[in-house]
Amino acid sequence: MTPTIRPATDADSGQVVSLIAACWVQYPGNILDIAEEELGLCAVASNYAARQGRLWVATLNFPQAEWITGCVGVVPTPHNPQAQAELVKMYVHPRLRRQGLARRLAALPEAVAREWGAHTIDLWSDTRFAEAHAFYQALGYTQTGETRDLHDLSHSTEYHFIKPL
């Protein structure tokens, strides 16, 4: 069964949170705090619309239910001299990895960034997500050497990646 990709709605918020939790549980020390640190996940479509961005979800559709298996978003970054768009919230359920879904999802923010006239797109990824880093590099993203500390409950540090479009 091939997942369908569609724009996210606010009704998807609970399943998006569950998807991210299923991904983060693989990395000890990651804490998903919706109330304080990820409040935007409570109304995902509205949050991205307010930021002039977009969020998509990948779904498997069953007769009685729809299961969100992946997500990805894009937001403009006009203040960033290196890139005018940022790929955000790229997650694929662990059971559906290595089947091409992440490549399909990653193409969406890149296409929108081109529509916006961006010449580059960037992303930030937790230092613990080594598998994701290899994937991003396979897509043509280059790790810049820049890091940032999020000062969050997970004590996250992120690597910066950039890709010419």
Protein backbone atom coordinates (compact mmCIF):
# COMPACT_ATOMS: atom_id res chain seq x y z
CA MET A 1 0.00 0.00 0.00
CA THR A 2 1.45 3.38 -1.02
CA PRO A 3 0.88 6.35 1.29
CA THR A 4 -1.07 9.32 -0.04
CA ILE A 5 0.36 12.79 0.60
CA ARG A 6 -1.99 15.70 1.28
CA PRO A 7 -1.96 19.08 3.05
CA ALA A 8 -2.30 18.76 6.80
CA THR A 9 -5.40 19.91 8.66
CA ASP A 10 -5.75 20.85 12.31
CA ALA A 11 -7.63 17.57 12.79
CA ASP A 12 -4.35 15.77 12.01
CA SER A 13 -2.59 17.26 15.03
CA GLY A 14 -3.00 14.28 17.35
CA GLN A 15 -1.66 11.81 14.81
CA VAL A 16 1.24 14.12 13.90
CA VAL A 17 2.19 14.24 17.58
CA SER A 18 1.96 10.43 17.76
CA LEU A 19 4.15 10.11 14.65
CA ILE A 20 6.83 12.40 16.07
CA ALA A 21 6.69 10.56 19.41
CA ALA A 22 7.17 7.23 17.59
CA CYS A 23 10.27 8.67 15.92
CA TRP A 24 11.72 10.36 18.99
CA VAL A 25 11.37 7.31 21.23
CA GLN A 26 14.26 5.75 19.29
CA TYR A 27 16.60 8.40 20.69
CA PRO A 28 17.10 8.29 24.47
CA GLY A 29 16.80 11.67 26.10
CA ASN A 30 14.40 13.22 23.59
CA ILE A 31 11.36 14.67 25.35
CA LEU A 32 8.33 15.73 23.33
CA ASP A 33 6.72 18.50 25.37
CA ILE A 34 3.62 19.72 23.53
CA ALA A 35 2.47 22.15 26.23
CA GLU A 36 5.70 24.15 26.46
CA GLU A 37 8.04 23.49 23.55
CA GLU A 38 5.91 22.23 20.66
CA LEU A 39 2.66 24.13 21.14
CA GLY A 40 2.36 24.57 17.35
CA LEU A 41 1.63 20.85 17.06
CA CYS A 42 -1.75 21.38 18.74
CA ALA A 43 -3.13 22.97 15.55
CA VAL A 44 -0.61 22.02 12.87
CA ALA A 45 -2.32 23.50 9.81
CA SER A 46 -3.18 26.79 11.50
CA ASN A 47 0.35 27.06 12.91
CA TYR A 48 1.98 26.69 9.51
CA ALA A 49 -0.54 28.97 7.80
CA ALA A 50 0.18 31.68 10.39
CA ARG A 51 3.88 31.37 9.53
CA GLN A 52 3.11 31.55 5.76
CA GLY A 53 4.32 27.97 5.54
CA ARG A 54 2.85 24.62 4.64
CA LEU A 55 2.72 21.19 6.21
CA TRP A 56 1.90 17.92 4.49
CA VAL A 57 1.08 14.50 5.88
CA ALA A 58 1.47 11.07 4.33
CA THR A 59 -1.39 8.72 5.09
CA LEU A 60 -2.34 5.10 4.69
CA ASN A 61 -6.08 4.86 4.25
CA PHE A 62 -8.00 1.93 5.66
CA PRO A 63 -11.78 1.36 5.48
CA GLN A 64 -12.34 2.59 9.04
CA ALA A 65 -9.38 4.92 9.58
CA GLU A 66 -6.56 6.96 8.18
CA TRP A 67 -3.05 6.52 9.63
CA ILE A 68 -0.53 9.36 9.34
CA THR A 69 2.80 7.76 8.47
CA GLY A 70 4.90 10.82 7.66
CA CYS A 71 5.00 14.59 7.61
CA VAL A 72 7.08 17.48 6.34
CA GLY A 73 6.76 21.23 6.30
CA VAL A 74 8.30 24.37 4.89
CA VAL A 75 8.46 27.89 6.26
CA PRO A 76 9.91 31.04 4.75
CA THR A 77 13.07 32.42 6.33
CA PRO A 78 13.44 35.92 4.88
CA HIS A 79 15.80 36.89 7.72
CA ASN A 80 18.27 34.14 6.82
CA PRO A 81 21.01 35.28 4.40
CA GLN A 82 21.90 31.65 3.59
CA ALA A 83 18.46 30.34 2.63
CA GLN A 84 15.01 31.76 2.03
CA ALA A 85 13.12 28.60 3.01
CA GLU A 86 13.50 26.00 5.72
CA LEU A 87 12.45 22.35 5.58
CA VAL A 88 10.89 21.47 8.94
CA LYS A 89 9.18 18.58 10.75
CA MET A 90 10.44 15.82 8.44
CA TYR A 91 9.35 12.52 9.99
CA VAL A 92 8.55 9.07 8.62
CA HIS A 93 7.24 6.32 10.86
CA PRO A 94 10.06 3.85 11.64
CA ARG A 95 8.09 0.95 10.10
CA LEU A 96 7.82 2.75 6.74
CA ARG A 97 11.38 3.95 6.28
CA ARG A 98 13.52 3.03 3.27
CA GLN A 99 10.53 2.76 0.95
CA GLY A 100 10.84 6.11 -0.84
CA LEU A 101 8.30 8.03 1.24
CA ALA A 102 10.86 10.42 2.72
CA ARG A 103 12.14 11.33 -0.75
CA ARG A 104 8.58 12.06 -1.88
CA LEU A 105 8.00 14.20 1.20
CA ALA A 106 11.31 16.10 0.90
CA ALA A 107 10.50 17.10 -2.68
CA LEU A 108 7.47 19.13 -1.54
CA PRO A 109 9.24 21.83 0.53
CA GLU A 110 11.91 22.11 -2.15
CA ALA A 111 9.28 22.69 -4.85
CA VAL A 112 7.52 25.32 -2.73
CA ALA A 113 10.83 27.03 -1.97
CA ARG A 114 11.46 27.28 -5.72
CA GLU A 115 7.95 28.77 -6.16
CA TRP A 116 8.88 31.37 -3.55
CA GLY A 117 11.98 32.22 -5.60
CA ALA A 118 14.43 30.71 -3.13
CA HIS A 119 17.82 29.67 -4.44
CA THR A 120 18.61 27.59 -1.37
CA ILE A 121 16.74 25.69 1.34
CA ASP A 122 18.05 24.79 4.74
CA LEU A 123 17.16 22.58 7.68
CA TRP A 124 18.24 21.91 11.23
CA SER A 125 18.48 18.37 12.57
CA ASP A 126 19.12 17.08 16.09
CA THR A 127 22.69 15.78 16.43
CA ARG A 128 21.28 12.42 17.57
CA PHE A 129 19.49 11.80 14.23
CA ALA A 130 22.49 10.32 12.38
CA GLU A 131 20.33 8.25 10.02
CA ALA A 132 18.47 11.40 8.97
CA HIS A 133 21.76 13.23 8.37
CA ALA A 134 22.88 10.55 5.93
CA PHE A 135 19.53 10.80 4.17
CA TYR A 136 19.73 14.59 3.86
CA GLN A 137 23.24 14.35 2.46
CA ALA A 138 22.04 11.78 -0.10
CA LEU A 139 19.43 14.37 -1.17
CA GLY A 140 22.16 16.96 -1.78
CA TYR A 141 22.12 18.83 1.53
CA THR A 142 25.51 19.84 2.90
CA GLN A 143 26.24 20.09 6.59
CA THR A 144 27.54 23.63 7.18
CA GLY A 145 29.42 23.03 10.42
CA GLU A 146 27.11 25.45 12.24
CA THR A 147 25.26 24.16 15.31
CA ARG A 148 22.69 25.63 17.64
CA ASP A 149 21.64 24.70 21.14
CA LEU A 150 17.89 24.75 21.69
CA HIS A 151 17.99 25.00 25.51
CA ASP A 152 15.03 22.61 25.65
CA LEU A 153 14.09 19.72 27.93
CA SER A 154 15.92 17.31 25.62
CA HIS A 155 19.15 19.35 25.78
CA SER A 156 19.12 19.36 21.99
CA THR A 157 21.90 20.56 19.76
CA GLU A 158 21.16 20.73 16.06
CA TYR A 159 23.32 20.58 12.94
CA HIS A 160 22.64 23.00 10.09
CA PHE A 161 22.25 21.71 6.52
CA ILE A 162 21.78 23.69 3.31
CA LYS A 163 20.97 22.76 -0.29
CA PRO A 164 21.09 24.83 -3.47
CA LEU A 165 17.90 24.60 -5.48
